[in-house]
Amino acid sequence: MKYLIKKPDTFLNTLNEDINAILQKSFDNLFPEYIFHQELKGMAMPVDVKEYDDKYCVKMELPGINKEDIDIDINKSYVKIEAKKEYEQEKEDKKHKYHKSEFRYGNYSRTLYFPYEIAIEKSTAKLKKGILHLDLPKIQSEDKKTSKLEIKE
């Protein structure tokens, strides 16, 4: 029996990638990509997407980011959110050192695609306590209405 020896830093990265691949394969049948497709560039922010009969509600975690540092591009079929969190310089203090730092700085970007068209002019966005809330009404199609069709001779 052979053992594969990995360094601790690469072992954890590999393990995380393996777990993600297994979970992705498991959930592909439940949540096919073509329904809610997304693109990730830079760091991704956690997101919740809820669908109602008449709209989509999207919530994104953006802690420590000001509304001036968020850019939202909206189209009838997608929403692209980009945000920037810059490192705040601390005063140089020789009396302490970091043992651990998990704060993330840099550019965040996420694009969400939707199966039904969005009413751009009725869409709203607000930032409250580090959570970005998007309210995206669906375009109500005339095709959904039922009417009688007369037969002509």
N, C-alpha and C. Protein backbone atom coordinates (compact mmCIF):
# COMPACT_ATOMS: atom_id res chain seq x y z
N MET A 1 0.84 -1.17 0.00
CA MET A 1 0.00 0.00 0.00
C MET A 1 0.89 1.24 0.00
N LYS A 2 0.64 2.15 -0.93
CA LYS A 2 1.44 3.36 -1.03
C LYS A 2 0.69 4.51 -0.36
N TYR A 3 1.44 5.39 0.23
CA TYR A 3 0.88 6.58 0.85
C TYR A 3 1.32 7.81 0.08
N LEU A 4 0.41 8.71 -0.07
CA LEU A 4 0.71 9.95 -0.74
C LEU A 4 1.04 10.98 0.34
N ILE A 5 2.23 11.52 0.32
CA ILE A 5 2.65 12.48 1.33
C ILE A 5 2.50 13.87 0.73
N LYS A 6 1.79 14.73 1.46
CA LYS A 6 1.59 16.10 1.01
C LYS A 6 2.00 17.05 2.11
N LYS A 7 2.46 18.20 1.71
CA LYS A 7 2.80 19.24 2.67
C LYS A 7 1.51 19.79 3.26
N PRO A 8 1.53 20.25 4.52
CA PRO A 8 0.29 20.73 5.15
C PRO A 8 -0.43 21.82 4.38
N ASP A 9 0.31 22.78 3.81
CA ASP A 9 -0.37 23.86 3.11
C ASP A 9 -1.03 23.39 1.82
N THR A 10 -0.39 22.51 1.07
CA THR A 10 -1.00 22.01 -0.15
C THR A 10 -2.05 20.96 0.14
N PHE A 11 -1.87 20.23 1.25
CA PHE A 11 -2.86 19.21 1.62
C PHE A 11 -4.22 19.84 1.88
N LEU A 12 -4.26 20.93 2.65
CA LEU A 12 -5.54 21.57 2.95
C LEU A 12 -6.19 22.16 1.70
N ASN A 13 -5.39 22.76 0.82
CA ASN A 13 -5.94 23.30 -0.42
C ASN A 13 -6.51 22.19 -1.29
N THR A 14 -5.79 21.10 -1.40
CA THR A 14 -6.24 19.97 -2.20
C THR A 14 -7.50 19.35 -1.61
N LEU A 15 -7.51 19.19 -0.30
CA LEU A 15 -8.68 18.63 0.38
C LEU A 15 -9.91 19.50 0.15
N ASN A 16 -9.75 20.81 0.25
CA ASN A 16 -10.85 21.74 0.02
C ASN A 16 -11.36 21.63 -1.42
N GLU A 17 -10.46 21.54 -2.38
CA GLU A 17 -10.85 21.40 -3.79
C GLU A 17 -11.58 20.09 -4.03
N ASP A 18 -11.11 19.00 -3.40
CA ASP A 18 -11.76 17.70 -3.55
C ASP A 18 -13.18 17.72 -2.98
N ILE A 19 -13.33 18.30 -1.81
CA ILE A 19 -14.66 18.39 -1.19
C ILE A 19 -15.59 19.22 -2.05
N ASN A 20 -15.10 20.35 -2.56
CA ASN A 20 -15.93 21.20 -3.44
C ASN A 20 -16.36 20.45 -4.69
N ALA A 21 -15.45 19.67 -5.28
CA ALA A 21 -15.78 18.91 -6.49
C ALA A 21 -16.85 17.87 -6.20
N ILE A 22 -16.74 17.18 -5.06
CA ILE A 22 -17.73 16.16 -4.69
C ILE A 22 -19.09 16.81 -4.46
N LEU A 23 -19.12 17.91 -3.73
CA LEU A 23 -20.39 18.59 -3.46
C LEU A 23 -21.01 19.13 -4.75
N GLN A 24 -20.17 19.68 -5.63
CA GLN A 24 -20.67 20.21 -6.90
C GLN A 24 -21.34 19.11 -7.71
N LYS A 25 -20.70 17.94 -7.80
CA LYS A 25 -21.27 16.83 -8.54
C LYS A 25 -22.57 16.35 -7.90
N SER A 26 -22.62 16.34 -6.58
CA SER A 26 -23.81 15.87 -5.87
C SER A 26 -25.01 16.78 -6.08
N PHE A 27 -24.78 18.08 -6.14
CA PHE A 27 -25.88 19.02 -6.23
C PHE A 27 -26.21 19.44 -7.66
N ASP A 28 -25.44 19.00 -8.65
CA ASP A 28 -25.73 19.37 -10.03
C ASP A 28 -27.13 18.96 -10.46
N ASN A 29 -27.58 17.80 -10.03
CA ASN A 29 -28.91 17.34 -10.42
C ASN A 29 -30.01 18.12 -9.73
N LEU A 30 -29.75 18.56 -8.51
CA LEU A 30 -30.77 19.32 -7.78
C LEU A 30 -30.85 20.77 -8.25
N PHE A 31 -29.70 21.37 -8.54
CA PHE A 31 -29.65 22.77 -8.93
C PHE A 31 -28.81 22.90 -10.20
N PRO A 32 -29.37 22.59 -11.36
CA PRO A 32 -28.58 22.67 -12.59
C PRO A 32 -28.05 24.08 -12.83
N GLU A 33 -26.87 24.17 -13.43
CA GLU A 33 -26.22 25.47 -13.63
C GLU A 33 -27.03 26.39 -14.53
N TYR A 34 -27.76 25.83 -15.48
CA TYR A 34 -28.46 26.69 -16.43
C TYR A 34 -29.59 27.48 -15.78
N ILE A 35 -30.01 27.11 -14.58
CA ILE A 35 -31.08 27.86 -13.93
C ILE A 35 -30.53 29.16 -13.35
N PHE A 36 -29.56 29.09 -12.46
CA PHE A 36 -28.96 30.28 -11.87
C PHE A 36 -27.46 30.20 -12.09
N HIS A 37 -27.02 30.61 -13.25
CA HIS A 37 -25.60 30.57 -13.58
C HIS A 37 -24.92 31.77 -12.94
N GLN A 38 -23.67 31.58 -12.55
CA GLN A 38 -22.93 32.68 -11.96
C GLN A 38 -21.48 32.65 -12.41
N GLU A 39 -20.86 33.82 -12.41
CA GLU A 39 -19.45 33.94 -12.72
C GLU A 39 -18.76 34.58 -11.52
N LEU A 40 -17.60 34.06 -11.19
CA LEU A 40 -16.84 34.59 -10.08
C LEU A 40 -15.51 35.12 -10.59
N LYS A 41 -15.20 36.36 -10.25
CA LYS A 41 -13.91 36.95 -10.58
C LYS A 41 -13.42 37.63 -9.32
N GLY A 42 -12.16 37.48 -9.01
CA GLY A 42 -11.65 38.04 -7.77
C GLY A 42 -12.24 37.26 -6.62
N MET A 43 -12.42 37.93 -5.50
CA MET A 43 -13.01 37.26 -4.34
C MET A 43 -14.53 37.33 -4.46
N ALA A 44 -15.19 36.27 -4.08
CA ALA A 44 -16.65 36.23 -4.17
C ALA A 44 -17.27 36.49 -2.81
N MET A 45 -18.37 37.21 -2.83
CA MET A 45 -19.09 37.46 -1.60
C MET A 45 -20.20 36.44 -1.45
N PRO A 46 -20.49 36.00 -0.23
CA PRO A 46 -21.59 35.05 -0.03
C PRO A 46 -22.91 35.66 -0.49
N VAL A 47 -23.76 34.84 -1.07
CA VAL A 47 -25.00 35.35 -1.65
C VAL A 47 -26.17 34.41 -1.35
N ASP A 48 -27.34 34.98 -1.16
CA ASP A 48 -28.61 34.25 -1.08
C ASP A 48 -29.49 34.76 -2.22
N VAL A 49 -30.07 33.85 -2.99
CA VAL A 49 -30.98 34.23 -4.07
C VAL A 49 -32.30 33.52 -3.83
N LYS A 50 -33.37 34.31 -3.68
CA LYS A 50 -34.71 33.76 -3.51
C LYS A 50 -35.54 34.14 -4.73
N GLU A 51 -36.34 33.20 -5.19
CA GLU A 51 -37.22 33.48 -6.32
C GLU A 51 -38.67 33.42 -5.86
N TYR A 52 -39.41 34.44 -6.21
CA TYR A 52 -40.85 34.49 -5.98
C TYR A 52 -41.54 34.49 -7.34
N ASP A 53 -42.85 34.44 -7.36
CA ASP A 53 -43.58 34.45 -8.62
C ASP A 53 -43.29 35.70 -9.44
N ASP A 54 -43.12 36.84 -8.75
CA ASP A 54 -43.00 38.12 -9.45
C ASP A 54 -41.62 38.78 -9.36
N LYS A 55 -40.69 38.19 -8.57
CA LYS A 55 -39.40 38.86 -8.41
C LYS A 55 -38.33 37.91 -7.88
N TYR A 56 -37.09 38.41 -7.91
CA TYR A 56 -35.95 37.76 -7.27
C TYR A 56 -35.50 38.68 -6.14
N CYS A 57 -35.12 38.09 -5.03
CA CYS A 57 -34.52 38.83 -3.93
C CYS A 57 -33.12 38.28 -3.70
N VAL A 58 -32.15 39.17 -3.77
CA VAL A 58 -30.75 38.77 -3.62
C VAL A 58 -30.17 39.50 -2.41
N LYS A 59 -29.47 38.75 -1.58
CA LYS A 59 -28.74 39.34 -0.45
C LYS A 59 -27.28 38.93 -0.57
N MET A 60 -26.38 39.89 -0.35
CA MET A 60 -24.94 39.62 -0.41
C MET A 60 -24.27 40.20 0.82
N GLU A 61 -23.33 39.44 1.36
CA GLU A 61 -22.55 39.93 2.50
C GLU A 61 -21.40 40.78 1.98
N LEU A 62 -21.36 42.02 2.43
CA LEU A 62 -20.27 42.94 2.07
C LEU A 62 -19.85 43.71 3.32
N PRO A 63 -19.36 43.02 4.35
CA PRO A 63 -19.01 43.71 5.58
C PRO A 63 -17.84 44.66 5.40
N GLY A 64 -17.98 45.84 5.99
CA GLY A 64 -16.89 46.82 5.95
C GLY A 64 -16.74 47.54 4.63
N ILE A 65 -17.69 47.38 3.72
CA ILE A 65 -17.60 48.05 2.41
C ILE A 65 -18.66 49.15 2.35
N ASN A 66 -18.24 50.35 1.97
CA ASN A 66 -19.15 51.48 1.85
C ASN A 66 -19.89 51.42 0.52
N LYS A 67 -21.07 52.03 0.49
CA LYS A 67 -21.87 51.99 -0.75
C LYS A 67 -21.17 52.68 -1.91
N GLU A 68 -20.28 53.63 -1.62
CA GLU A 68 -19.53 54.30 -2.69
C GLU A 68 -18.54 53.35 -3.37
N ASP A 69 -18.20 52.26 -2.69
CA ASP A 69 -17.23 51.31 -3.24
C ASP A 69 -17.89 50.11 -3.89
N ILE A 70 -19.20 50.20 -4.14
CA ILE A 70 -19.94 49.11 -4.77
C ILE A 70 -20.46 49.59 -6.12
N ASP A 71 -20.28 48.76 -7.14
CA ASP A 71 -20.76 49.07 -8.48
C ASP A 71 -21.69 47.94 -8.93
N ILE A 72 -22.91 48.30 -9.33
CA ILE A 72 -23.89 47.29 -9.75
C ILE A 72 -24.28 47.56 -11.20
N ASP A 73 -24.02 46.58 -12.07
CA ASP A 73 -24.47 46.65 -13.46
C ASP A 73 -25.64 45.68 -13.59
N ILE A 74 -26.73 46.17 -14.16
CA ILE A 74 -27.92 45.33 -14.29
C ILE A 74 -28.34 45.27 -15.75
N ASN A 75 -28.74 44.09 -16.16
CA ASN A 75 -29.20 43.82 -17.51
C ASN A 75 -30.51 43.05 -17.34
N LYS A 76 -31.25 42.83 -18.41
CA LYS A 76 -32.49 42.06 -18.30
C LYS A 76 -32.26 40.63 -17.87
N SER A 77 -31.06 40.09 -18.08
CA SER A 77 -30.82 38.69 -17.75
C SER A 77 -29.76 38.46 -16.68
N TYR A 78 -29.06 39.51 -16.24
CA TYR A 78 -28.03 39.31 -15.22
C TYR A 78 -27.81 40.56 -14.38
N VAL A 79 -27.15 40.34 -13.25
CA VAL A 79 -26.70 41.42 -12.37
C VAL A 79 -25.23 41.16 -12.06
N LYS A 80 -24.41 42.19 -12.22
CA LYS A 80 -22.98 42.08 -11.91
C LYS A 80 -22.67 43.06 -10.79
N ILE A 81 -22.13 42.54 -9.68
CA ILE A 81 -21.79 43.36 -8.53
C ILE A 81 -20.28 43.33 -8.34
N GLU A 82 -19.68 44.50 -8.28
CA GLU A 82 -18.26 44.61 -8.00
C GLU A 82 -18.09 45.52 -6.80
N ALA A 83 -17.18 45.16 -5.91
CA ALA A 83 -16.92 45.96 -4.72
C ALA A 83 -15.43 45.97 -4.44
N LYS A 84 -15.00 46.99 -3.72
CA LYS A 84 -13.59 47.12 -3.40
C LYS A 84 -13.45 47.43 -1.92
N LYS A 85 -12.60 46.65 -1.27
CA LYS A 85 -12.31 46.87 0.15
C LYS A 85 -10.81 47.09 0.28
N GLU A 86 -10.46 48.30 0.67
CA GLU A 86 -9.05 48.65 0.74
C GLU A 86 -8.51 48.44 2.15
N TYR A 87 -7.25 48.10 2.21
CA TYR A 87 -6.57 47.88 3.48
C TYR A 87 -6.43 49.19 4.21
N GLU A 88 -6.83 49.20 5.47
CA GLU A 88 -6.70 50.40 6.29
C GLU A 88 -5.36 50.33 7.02
N GLN A 89 -4.53 51.29 6.75
CA GLN A 89 -3.20 51.30 7.36
C GLN A 89 -3.32 51.55 8.86
N GLU A 90 -2.69 50.68 9.61
CA GLU A 90 -2.63 50.87 11.04
C GLU A 90 -1.33 51.59 11.38
N LYS A 91 -1.33 52.26 12.52
CA LYS A 91 -0.10 52.89 12.95
C LYS A 91 0.94 51.82 13.24
N GLU A 92 2.15 52.07 12.84
CA GLU A 92 3.23 51.13 13.10
C GLU A 92 3.47 51.09 14.61
N ASP A 93 3.30 49.93 15.15
CA ASP A 93 3.49 49.74 16.58
C ASP A 93 4.41 48.55 16.76
N LYS A 94 5.56 48.78 17.31
CA LYS A 94 6.57 47.73 17.47
C LYS A 94 6.24 46.79 18.63
N LYS A 95 5.22 47.11 19.43
CA LYS A 95 4.91 46.31 20.61
C LYS A 95 4.03 45.09 20.31
N HIS A 96 3.51 44.99 19.12
CA HIS A 96 2.66 43.84 18.81
C HIS A 96 2.98 43.30 17.42
N LYS A 97 2.52 42.08 17.20
CA LYS A 97 2.65 41.47 15.88
C LYS A 97 1.41 40.62 15.64
N TYR A 98 1.09 40.41 14.39
CA TYR A 98 -0.06 39.57 14.05
C TYR A 98 0.28 38.10 14.24
N HIS A 99 -0.63 37.39 14.86
CA HIS A 99 -0.51 35.94 14.91
C HIS A 99 -1.41 35.31 13.86
N LYS A 100 -2.49 36.04 13.54
CA LYS A 100 -3.41 35.56 12.53
C LYS A 100 -4.19 36.76 12.00
N SER A 101 -4.39 36.79 10.70
CA SER A 101 -5.19 37.85 10.09
C SER A 101 -6.05 37.21 9.01
N GLU A 102 -7.37 37.23 9.20
CA GLU A 102 -8.29 36.62 8.24
C GLU A 102 -9.14 37.65 7.51
N PHE A 103 -8.86 38.92 7.72
CA PHE A 103 -9.59 39.94 7.01
C PHE A 103 -9.17 39.91 5.55
N ARG A 104 -10.13 40.12 4.65
CA ARG A 104 -9.83 40.11 3.22
C ARG A 104 -9.96 41.51 2.66
N TYR A 105 -8.99 41.85 1.83
CA TYR A 105 -8.98 43.15 1.16
C TYR A 105 -8.77 42.91 -0.32
N GLY A 106 -9.29 43.83 -1.11
CA GLY A 106 -9.12 43.73 -2.55
C GLY A 106 -10.44 43.88 -3.27
N ASN A 107 -10.52 43.29 -4.46
CA ASN A 107 -11.69 43.42 -5.31
C ASN A 107 -12.59 42.20 -5.18
N TYR A 108 -13.87 42.46 -5.04
CA TYR A 108 -14.89 41.41 -5.01
C TYR A 108 -15.71 41.55 -6.28
N SER A 109 -16.12 40.43 -6.85
CA SER A 109 -16.93 40.49 -8.06
C SER A 109 -17.79 39.24 -8.16
N ARG A 110 -19.03 39.45 -8.58
CA ARG A 110 -19.94 38.32 -8.76
C ARG A 110 -20.97 38.70 -9.81
N THR A 111 -21.24 37.77 -10.73
CA THR A 111 -22.27 37.98 -11.74
C THR A 111 -23.28 36.85 -11.61
N LEU A 112 -24.54 37.22 -11.47
CA LEU A 112 -25.63 36.26 -11.35
C LEU A 112 -26.53 36.36 -12.58
N TYR A 113 -26.80 35.22 -13.19
CA TYR A 113 -27.68 35.17 -14.36
C TYR A 113 -29.02 34.57 -13.93
N PHE A 114 -30.10 35.09 -14.51
CA PHE A 114 -31.43 34.65 -14.13
C PHE A 114 -32.18 34.08 -15.32
N PRO A 115 -33.04 33.08 -15.07
CA PRO A 115 -33.77 32.45 -16.18
C PRO A 115 -34.89 33.32 -16.74
N TYR A 116 -35.43 34.26 -15.94
CA TYR A 116 -36.48 35.15 -16.41
C TYR A 116 -35.93 36.57 -16.44
N GLU A 117 -36.44 37.37 -17.38
CA GLU A 117 -35.94 38.74 -17.54
C GLU A 117 -36.31 39.61 -16.35
N ILE A 118 -35.43 40.57 -16.06
CA ILE A 118 -35.58 41.48 -14.92
C ILE A 118 -36.10 42.83 -15.42
N ALA A 119 -37.02 43.42 -14.66
CA ALA A 119 -37.51 44.77 -14.95
C ALA A 119 -36.50 45.76 -14.37
N ILE A 120 -35.60 46.24 -15.20
CA ILE A 120 -34.48 47.07 -14.76
C ILE A 120 -34.97 48.34 -14.05
N GLU A 121 -35.93 49.02 -14.63
CA GLU A 121 -36.38 50.31 -14.09
C GLU A 121 -37.09 50.19 -12.75
N LYS A 122 -37.56 49.00 -12.40
CA LYS A 122 -38.25 48.79 -11.12
C LYS A 122 -37.35 48.15 -10.06
N SER A 123 -36.12 47.82 -10.43
CA SER A 123 -35.19 47.16 -9.51
C SER A 123 -34.63 48.15 -8.50
N THR A 124 -34.38 47.67 -7.27
CA THR A 124 -33.84 48.52 -6.22
C THR A 124 -32.68 47.82 -5.51
N ALA A 125 -31.82 48.65 -4.90
CA ALA A 125 -30.70 48.13 -4.13
C ALA A 125 -30.53 48.98 -2.88
N LYS A 126 -30.23 48.33 -1.75
CA LYS A 126 -29.91 49.08 -0.54
C LYS A 126 -28.88 48.30 0.26
N LEU A 127 -28.07 49.03 0.99
CA LEU A 127 -27.01 48.45 1.82
C LEU A 127 -27.35 48.75 3.27
N LYS A 128 -27.49 47.68 4.06
CA LYS A 128 -27.85 47.86 5.46
C LYS A 128 -27.05 46.87 6.31
N LYS A 129 -26.26 47.39 7.23
CA LYS A 129 -25.45 46.59 8.16
C LYS A 129 -24.56 45.58 7.44
N GLY A 130 -23.95 46.01 6.34
CA GLY A 130 -23.02 45.14 5.62
C GLY A 130 -23.67 44.13 4.70
N ILE A 131 -24.99 44.21 4.54
CA ILE A 131 -25.72 43.31 3.65
C ILE A 131 -26.33 44.13 2.51
N LEU A 132 -25.99 43.75 1.28
CA LEU A 132 -26.57 44.39 0.10
C LEU A 132 -27.85 43.64 -0.26
N HIS A 133 -28.96 44.38 -0.34
CA HIS A 133 -30.27 43.80 -0.67
C HIS A 133 -30.66 44.28 -2.07
N LEU A 134 -30.91 43.34 -2.97
CA LEU A 134 -31.38 43.67 -4.31
C LEU A 134 -32.78 43.12 -4.47
N ASP A 135 -33.69 43.95 -4.93
CA ASP A 135 -35.05 43.55 -5.23
C ASP A 135 -35.21 43.66 -6.74
N LEU A 136 -35.36 42.53 -7.42
CA LEU A 136 -35.34 42.49 -8.87
C LEU A 136 -36.66 41.93 -9.40
N PRO A 137 -37.63 42.81 -9.70
CA PRO A 137 -38.91 42.33 -10.23
C PRO A 137 -38.74 41.69 -11.60
N LYS A 138 -39.52 40.64 -11.84
CA LYS A 138 -39.49 39.98 -13.15
C LYS A 138 -40.36 40.77 -14.12
N ILE A 139 -40.01 40.69 -15.40
CA ILE A 139 -40.85 41.29 -16.43
C ILE A 139 -42.06 40.39 -16.60
N GLN A 140 -43.22 40.97 -16.44
CA GLN A 140 -44.45 40.20 -16.58
C GLN A 140 -44.80 40.11 -18.06
N SER A 141 -44.74 38.93 -18.58
CA SER A 141 -44.97 38.70 -19.99
C SER A 141 -46.47 38.66 -20.30
N GLU A 142 -46.80 39.23 -21.44
CA GLU A 142 -48.19 39.18 -21.90
C GLU A 142 -48.58 37.76 -22.29
N ASP A 143 -47.58 36.93 -22.58
CA ASP A 143 -47.84 35.55 -23.01
C ASP A 143 -48.51 34.73 -21.91
N LYS A 144 -48.39 35.12 -20.67
CA LYS A 144 -48.94 34.34 -19.57
C LYS A 144 -50.45 34.53 -19.43
N LYS A 145 -50.98 35.60 -20.02
CA LYS A 145 -52.42 35.83 -19.93
C LYS A 145 -53.16 34.88 -20.86
N THR A 146 -54.33 34.48 -20.44
CA THR A 146 -55.16 33.59 -21.24
C THR A 146 -56.32 34.39 -21.80
N SER A 147 -56.59 34.17 -23.07
CA SER A 147 -57.75 34.82 -23.69
C SER A 147 -58.34 33.86 -24.71
N LYS A 148 -59.54 34.19 -25.15
CA LYS A 148 -60.23 33.37 -26.13
C LYS A 148 -59.78 33.75 -27.53
N LEU A 149 -59.60 32.74 -28.37
CA LEU A 149 -59.24 32.96 -29.74
C LEU A 149 -60.42 32.52 -30.61
N GLU A 150 -60.92 33.46 -31.38
CA GLU A 150 -62.07 33.15 -32.24
C GLU A 150 -61.60 32.45 -33.51
N ILE A 151 -62.41 31.54 -33.97
CA ILE A 151 -62.12 30.83 -35.21
C ILE A 151 -62.86 31.53 -36.33
N LYS A 152 -62.13 31.92 -37.37
CA LYS A 152 -62.73 32.62 -38.52
C LYS A 152 -62.83 31.65 -39.67
N GLU A 153 -63.84 31.87 -40.51
CA GLU A 153 -64.04 31.01 -41.67
C GLU A 153 -63.22 31.44 -42.84
